[in-house]
Amino acid sequence: MARLYEQYTNEILPKLADELGRKNPQSLPKLEKIVVSMGVGSAIGDRKILEEAVGHLTRITGQKPQITRARRSIANFKLREGMEIGCRVTLRRAGMYEFLDRLIAIVLPRVRDFRGLKPNAFDGSGNYNLGLSEQLVFPEVDADSVKHQQGLNITIVTSARTDAEARKLLEHFGMPFQKTEDTGKGAA
C-alpha cells in the first residue's frame, strides 16, 4: 500500500473532519485521479519527437501513455484533424498516490528556482493544475537520452466541493504552496 494513502486514511482524514466540521468520512475531499500530459506540437513535423515524449512519460508514470490527437484543423499551425500532437496518462489508486509522493518529495525540490506552487492555480471545482517546463526534473528520465526538452502538465483531480477544501487536502499531503501575504489593502 502506498505510504501517502496510509497517511491519508490514518492522519489526514481525521484532521479534515475536524477542520471542515463533518462526521461522515465519505463527504470529505479525496484524490480521484492525476492526469499527466505532454503536448508535443513539434511532432507534426517529426514523429520521433512524439515517440521520445511517450517513452519519457512511460518512465515517469510507470504506465503506457495514450496518444492524443487534434480535434480540429488549424491552417496557421499546419495542423489537420486527427494528427497526433501529444500524450497523456491517467493515474488512479495506488499509482496516483505513489506519483504524488514522488512529485512532492523528489521532483518539486529539484525544480530550479522553486519558491513554492501558486495557490491560485485551482479551477473553481477543486482541481489543481501545475506545469513543469522540462521532464529532466524527474529522476527516472536519463538526461543523456533527452534530445528534445519537453514540458508537461499535471492535473490533480479531487472530490472537493470548493477550491479551499482542495487546498486544505493538498496542504495536508505536503504540497509546498507559496505563502500568501495579506497586504491589508482593500478592494478598489
C-alpha atoms as a PDB file:
ATOM      1  CA  MET A   1       0.000   0.000   0.000  1.00  0.00           C
ATOM      2  CA  ALA A   2       1.253   3.490  -0.817  1.00  0.00           C
ATOM      3  CA  ARG A   3       2.760   5.455   2.052  1.00  0.00           C
ATOM      4  CA  LEU A   4       0.742   8.554   1.175  1.00  0.00           C
ATOM      5  CA  TYR A   5      -2.525   6.592   1.132  1.00  0.00           C
ATOM      6  CA  GLU A   6      -1.849   5.242   4.631  1.00  0.00           C
ATOM      7  CA  GLN A   7      -1.098   8.790   5.781  1.00  0.00           C
ATOM      8  CA  TYR A   8      -4.374   9.949   4.211  1.00  0.00           C
ATOM      9  CA  THR A   9      -6.513   7.323   5.958  1.00  0.00           C
ATOM     10  CA  ASN A  10      -4.769   7.476   9.340  1.00  0.00           C
ATOM     11  CA  GLU A  11      -3.842  11.160   9.763  1.00  0.00           C
ATOM     12  CA  ILE A  12      -5.328  13.447   7.120  1.00  0.00           C
ATOM     13  CA  LEU A  13      -8.966  12.243   7.228  1.00  0.00           C
ATOM     14  CA  PRO A  14      -9.380  12.914  10.980  1.00  0.00           C
ATOM     15  CA  LYS A  15      -7.779  16.365  10.614  1.00  0.00           C
ATOM     16  CA  LEU A  16     -10.029  17.254   7.657  1.00  0.00           C
ATOM     17  CA  ALA A  17     -13.107  16.048   9.573  1.00  0.00           C
ATOM     18  CA  ASP A  18     -12.243  18.424  12.444  1.00  0.00           C
ATOM     19  CA  GLU A  19     -11.393  21.373  10.184  1.00  0.00           C
ATOM     20  CA  LEU A  20     -14.441  21.024   7.945  1.00  0.00           C
ATOM     21  CA  GLY A  21     -16.831  20.001  10.735  1.00  0.00           C
ATOM     22  CA  ARG A  22     -18.065  16.829   9.042  1.00  0.00           C
ATOM     23  CA  LYS A  23     -18.500  13.430  10.638  1.00  0.00           C
ATOM     24  CA  ASN A  24     -19.169  11.378   7.513  1.00  0.00           C
ATOM     25  CA  PRO A  25     -15.799  10.303   6.013  1.00  0.00           C
ATOM     26  CA  GLN A  26     -17.432   9.873   2.582  1.00  0.00           C
ATOM     27  CA  SER A  27     -18.189  13.617   2.445  1.00  0.00           C
ATOM     28  CA  LEU A  28     -14.544  14.576   2.994  1.00  0.00           C
ATOM     29  CA  PRO A  29     -12.400  15.531  -0.023  1.00  0.00           C
ATOM     30  CA  LYS A  30     -10.140  12.884  -1.524  1.00  0.00           C
ATOM     31  CA  LEU A  31      -7.937  12.434  -4.554  1.00  0.00           C
ATOM     32  CA  GLU A  32      -9.765  10.958  -7.533  1.00  0.00           C
ATOM     33  CA  LYS A  33      -7.078  10.913 -10.232  1.00  0.00           C
ATOM     34  CA  ILE A  34      -3.937  12.588 -11.521  1.00  0.00           C
ATOM     35  CA  VAL A  35      -3.583  13.306 -15.236  1.00  0.00           C
ATOM     36  CA  VAL A  36      -0.066  13.851 -16.597  1.00  0.00           C
ATOM     37  CA  SER A  37       0.059  15.157 -20.164  1.00  0.00           C
ATOM     38  CA  MET A  38       2.598  16.381 -22.695  1.00  0.00           C
ATOM     39  CA  GLY A  39       1.619  18.499 -25.668  1.00  0.00           C
ATOM     40  CA  VAL A  40       4.122  17.883 -28.437  1.00  0.00           C
ATOM     41  CA  GLY A  41       3.327  20.411 -31.138  1.00  0.00           C
ATOM     42  CA  SER A  42       6.634  19.790 -32.900  1.00  0.00           C
ATOM     43  CA  ALA A  43       5.523  16.185 -33.504  1.00  0.00           C
ATOM     44  CA  ILE A  44       3.675  17.444 -36.577  1.00  0.00           C
ATOM     45  CA  GLY A  45       6.955  17.529 -38.484  1.00  0.00           C
ATOM     46  CA  ASP A  46       8.842  14.723 -36.729  1.00  0.00           C
ATOM     47  CA  ARG A  47       7.222  11.590 -35.285  1.00  0.00           C
ATOM     48  CA  LYS A  48      10.394  10.700 -33.334  1.00  0.00           C
ATOM     49  CA  ILE A  49       9.789  13.643 -31.007  1.00  0.00           C
ATOM     50  CA  LEU A  50       6.398  12.185 -30.031  1.00  0.00           C
ATOM     51  CA  GLU A  51       7.924   8.722 -29.556  1.00  0.00           C
ATOM     52  CA  GLU A  52      10.576  10.218 -27.255  1.00  0.00           C
ATOM     53  CA  ALA A  53       7.881  12.023 -25.229  1.00  0.00           C
ATOM     54  CA  VAL A  54       5.878   8.771 -24.944  1.00  0.00           C
ATOM     55  CA  GLY A  55       8.979   6.961 -23.673  1.00  0.00           C
ATOM     56  CA  HIS A  56       9.707   9.617 -21.069  1.00  0.00           C
ATOM     57  CA  LEU A  57       6.091   9.746 -19.876  1.00  0.00           C
ATOM     58  CA  THR A  58       6.114   5.944 -19.582  1.00  0.00           C
ATOM     59  CA  ARG A  59       9.219   6.066 -17.366  1.00  0.00           C
ATOM     60  CA  ILE A  60       7.849   8.951 -15.275  1.00  0.00           C
ATOM     61  CA  THR A  61       4.424   7.425 -14.562  1.00  0.00           C
ATOM     62  CA  GLY A  62       5.025   3.692 -14.946  1.00  0.00           C
ATOM     63  CA  GLN A  63       2.084   3.453 -17.339  1.00  0.00           C
ATOM     64  CA  LYS A  64       1.799   3.447 -21.133  1.00  0.00           C
ATOM     65  CA  PRO A  65       0.503   6.842 -22.330  1.00  0.00           C
ATOM     66  CA  GLN A  66      -2.466   7.402 -24.573  1.00  0.00           C
ATOM     67  CA  ILE A  67      -1.687   9.331 -27.772  1.00  0.00           C
ATOM     68  CA  THR A  68      -3.816  12.480 -28.108  1.00  0.00           C
ATOM     69  CA  ARG A  69      -4.967  13.715 -31.489  1.00  0.00           C
ATOM     70  CA  ALA A  70      -6.003  17.127 -32.812  1.00  0.00           C
ATOM     71  CA  ARG A  71      -9.763  17.663 -32.641  1.00  0.00           C
ATOM     72  CA  ARG A  72      -9.917  20.179 -35.457  1.00  0.00           C
ATOM     73  CA  SER A  73      -7.746  21.534 -38.229  1.00  0.00           C
ATOM     74  CA  ILE A  74      -5.843  24.808 -37.792  1.00  0.00           C
ATOM     75  CA  ALA A  75      -4.254  26.030 -41.028  1.00  0.00           C
ATOM     76  CA  ASN A  76      -1.838  28.511 -39.395  1.00  0.00           C
ATOM     77  CA  PHE A  77      -0.207  25.682 -37.423  1.00  0.00           C
ATOM     78  CA  LYS A  78      -0.296  23.250 -40.373  1.00  0.00           C
ATOM     79  CA  LEU A  79      -2.443  21.034 -38.174  1.00  0.00           C
ATOM     80  CA  ARG A  80      -5.047  18.682 -39.558  1.00  0.00           C
ATOM     81  CA  GLU A  81      -7.805  16.953 -37.650  1.00  0.00           C
ATOM     82  CA  GLY A  82      -6.660  13.579 -36.311  1.00  0.00           C
ATOM     83  CA  MET A  83      -2.918  14.333 -36.269  1.00  0.00           C
ATOM     84  CA  GLU A  84      -1.010  13.019 -33.242  1.00  0.00           C
ATOM     85  CA  ILE A  85       0.012  16.024 -31.114  1.00  0.00           C
ATOM     86  CA  GLY A  86       0.631  14.733 -27.595  1.00  0.00           C
ATOM     87  CA  CYS A  87       0.241  12.038 -24.979  1.00  0.00           C
ATOM     88  CA  ARG A  88      -1.322  11.656 -21.554  1.00  0.00           C
ATOM     89  CA  VAL A  89      -1.603   9.224 -18.649  1.00  0.00           C
ATOM     90  CA  THR A  90      -4.399   8.998 -16.086  1.00  0.00           C
ATOM     91  CA  LEU A  91      -3.246   7.647 -12.725  1.00  0.00           C
ATOM     92  CA  ARG A  92      -5.657   6.229 -10.165  1.00  0.00           C
ATOM     93  CA  ARG A  93      -5.494   4.352  -6.851  1.00  0.00           C
ATOM     94  CA  ALA A  94      -2.015   3.237  -5.697  1.00  0.00           C
ATOM     95  CA  GLY A  95      -0.170   4.580  -8.749  1.00  0.00           C
ATOM     96  CA  MET A  96      -1.706   8.006  -8.155  1.00  0.00           C
ATOM     97  CA  TYR A  97      -0.513   8.135  -4.530  1.00  0.00           C
ATOM     98  CA  GLU A  98       2.973   6.876  -5.475  1.00  0.00           C
ATOM     99  CA  PHE A  99       3.267   9.555  -8.176  1.00  0.00           C
ATOM    100  CA  LEU A 100       2.085  12.335  -5.833  1.00  0.00           C
ATOM    101  CA  ASP A 101       4.544  11.178  -3.179  1.00  0.00           C
ATOM    102  CA  ARG A 102       7.444  11.303  -5.673  1.00  0.00           C
ATOM    103  CA  LEU A 103       6.243  14.672  -7.005  1.00  0.00           C
ATOM    104  CA  ILE A 104       6.200  16.292  -3.552  1.00  0.00           C
ATOM    105  CA  ALA A 105       9.309  14.649  -2.064  1.00  0.00           C
ATOM    106  CA  ILE A 106      11.675  14.356  -5.030  1.00  0.00           C
ATOM    107  CA  VAL A 107      10.600  16.275  -8.137  1.00  0.00           C
ATOM    108  CA  LEU A 108       9.489  19.697  -6.857  1.00  0.00           C
ATOM    109  CA  PRO A 109      12.670  20.221  -4.778  1.00  0.00           C
ATOM    110  CA  ARG A 110      14.695  19.578  -7.969  1.00  0.00           C
ATOM    111  CA  VAL A 111      12.971  22.396  -9.889  1.00  0.00           C
ATOM    112  CA  ARG A 112      15.351  25.270 -10.467  1.00  0.00           C
ATOM    113  CA  ASP A 113      14.484  28.500  -8.555  1.00  0.00           C
ATOM    114  CA  PHE A 114      11.488  26.839  -6.890  1.00  0.00           C
ATOM    115  CA  ARG A 115       9.696  29.112  -4.418  1.00  0.00           C
ATOM    116  CA  GLY A 116       6.513  27.119  -3.947  1.00  0.00           C
ATOM    117  CA  LEU A 117       3.448  26.339  -6.017  1.00  0.00           C
ATOM    118  CA  LYS A 118       0.990  29.065  -6.904  1.00  0.00           C
ATOM    119  CA  PRO A 119      -2.037  28.797  -4.605  1.00  0.00           C
ATOM    120  CA  ASN A 120      -4.399  30.266  -7.215  1.00  0.00           C
ATOM    121  CA  ALA A 121      -3.995  27.523  -9.871  1.00  0.00           C
ATOM    122  CA  PHE A 122      -7.272  25.851  -8.862  1.00  0.00           C
ATOM    123  CA  ASP A 123     -10.023  25.689 -11.474  1.00  0.00           C
ATOM    124  CA  GLY A 124     -13.023  26.544  -9.304  1.00  0.00           C
ATOM    125  CA  SER A 125     -14.096  22.898  -8.931  1.00  0.00           C
ATOM    126  CA  GLY A 126     -11.370  21.765  -6.537  1.00  0.00           C
ATOM    127  CA  ASN A 127      -8.861  20.595  -9.174  1.00  0.00           C
ATOM    128  CA  TYR A 128      -5.248  21.805  -9.210  1.00  0.00           C
ATOM    129  CA  ASN A 129      -3.066  22.307 -12.305  1.00  0.00           C
ATOM    130  CA  LEU A 130       0.669  22.716 -12.394  1.00  0.00           C
ATOM    131  CA  GLY A 131       3.108  22.791 -15.245  1.00  0.00           C
ATOM    132  CA  LEU A 132       6.754  21.814 -15.352  1.00  0.00           C
ATOM    133  CA  SER A 133       8.975  23.302 -18.028  1.00  0.00           C
ATOM    134  CA  GLU A 134      11.078  20.185 -18.572  1.00  0.00           C
ATOM    135  CA  GLN A 135      10.925  16.466 -17.926  1.00  0.00           C
ATOM    136  CA  LEU A 136      14.512  16.363 -16.609  1.00  0.00           C
ATOM    137  CA  VAL A 137      13.387  17.134 -13.036  1.00  0.00           C
ATOM    138  CA  PHE A 138      12.141  13.540 -12.797  1.00  0.00           C
ATOM    139  CA  PRO A 139      14.951  11.195 -11.714  1.00  0.00           C
ATOM    140  CA  GLU A 140      13.537   8.428 -13.942  1.00  0.00           C
ATOM    141  CA  VAL A 141      14.481  10.381 -17.078  1.00  0.00           C
ATOM    142  CA  ASP A 142      18.118   9.961 -18.115  1.00  0.00           C
ATOM    143  CA  ALA A 143      19.481  13.365 -19.117  1.00  0.00           C
ATOM    144  CA  ASP A 144      21.670  11.808 -21.823  1.00  0.00           C
ATOM    145  CA  SER A 145      18.647  10.257 -23.550  1.00  0.00           C
ATOM    146  CA  VAL A 146      16.818  13.593 -23.896  1.00  0.00           C
ATOM    147  CA  LYS A 147      17.128  15.066 -27.371  1.00  0.00           C
ATOM    148  CA  HIS A 148      14.184  17.477 -27.057  1.00  0.00           C
ATOM    149  CA  GLN A 149      13.248  19.126 -23.773  1.00  0.00           C
ATOM    150  CA  GLN A 150       9.532  18.902 -23.270  1.00  0.00           C
ATOM    151  CA  GLY A 151       7.260  20.464 -20.662  1.00  0.00           C
ATOM    152  CA  LEU A 152       4.414  18.629 -19.039  1.00  0.00           C
ATOM    153  CA  ASN A 153       1.163  19.447 -17.285  1.00  0.00           C
ATOM    154  CA  ILE A 154      -0.072  17.737 -14.121  1.00  0.00           C
ATOM    155  CA  THR A 155      -3.738  17.955 -13.128  1.00  0.00           C
ATOM    156  CA  ILE A 156      -4.717  16.757  -9.655  1.00  0.00           C
ATOM    157  CA  VAL A 157      -8.443  15.985  -9.592  1.00  0.00           C
ATOM    158  CA  THR A 158     -10.110  15.935  -6.162  1.00  0.00           C
ATOM    159  CA  SER A 159     -13.632  15.329  -4.949  1.00  0.00           C
ATOM    160  CA  ALA A 160     -13.579  18.626  -3.017  1.00  0.00           C
ATOM    161  CA  ARG A 161     -16.590  20.900  -3.337  1.00  0.00           C
ATOM    162  CA  THR A 162     -14.555  24.106  -3.289  1.00  0.00           C
ATOM    163  CA  ASP A 163     -11.018  25.236  -4.018  1.00  0.00           C
ATOM    164  CA  ALA A 164     -10.460  25.971  -0.311  1.00  0.00           C
ATOM    165  CA  GLU A 165     -11.260  22.364   0.626  1.00  0.00           C
ATOM    166  CA  ALA A 166      -8.979  21.063  -2.121  1.00  0.00           C
ATOM    167  CA  ARG A 167      -6.172  23.331  -0.960  1.00  0.00           C
ATOM    168  CA  LYS A 168      -6.519  22.067   2.631  1.00  0.00           C
ATOM    169  CA  LEU A 169      -6.372  18.483   1.352  1.00  0.00           C
ATOM    170  CA  LEU A 170      -3.237  19.127  -0.725  1.00  0.00           C
ATOM    171  CA  GLU A 171      -1.577  21.068   2.104  1.00  0.00           C
ATOM    172  CA  HIS A 172      -2.097  18.073   4.410  1.00  0.00           C
ATOM    173  CA  PHE A 173      -0.422  15.881   1.783  1.00  0.00           C
ATOM    174  CA  GLY A 174       2.574  18.257   1.971  1.00  0.00           C
ATOM    175  CA  MET A 175       2.122  20.233  -1.239  1.00  0.00           C
ATOM    176  CA  PRO A 176       4.515  23.229  -0.979  1.00  0.00           C
ATOM    177  CA  PHE A 177       2.256  26.197  -1.712  1.00  0.00           C
ATOM    178  CA  GLN A 178       3.634  29.739  -1.681  1.00  0.00           C
ATOM    179  CA  LYS A 179       2.800  31.696   1.426  1.00  0.00           C
ATOM    180  CA  THR A 180       0.302  34.421   0.591  1.00  0.00           C
ATOM    181  CA  GLU A 181       0.870  37.659   2.442  1.00  0.00           C
ATOM    182  CA  ASP A 182      -2.113  39.855   3.116  1.00  0.00           C
ATOM    183  CA  THR A 183      -1.039  43.430   2.378  1.00  0.00           C
ATOM    184  CA  GLY A 184      -4.048  44.900   4.112  1.00  0.00           C
ATOM    185  CA  LYS A 185      -5.210  46.748   1.008  1.00  0.00           C
ATOM    186  CA  GLY A 186      -8.925  46.842   0.427  1.00  0.00           C
ATOM    187  CA  ALA A 187     -10.598  46.132  -2.880  1.00  0.00           C
ATOM    188  CA  ALA A 188     -10.679  49.104  -5.183  1.00  0.00           C
END
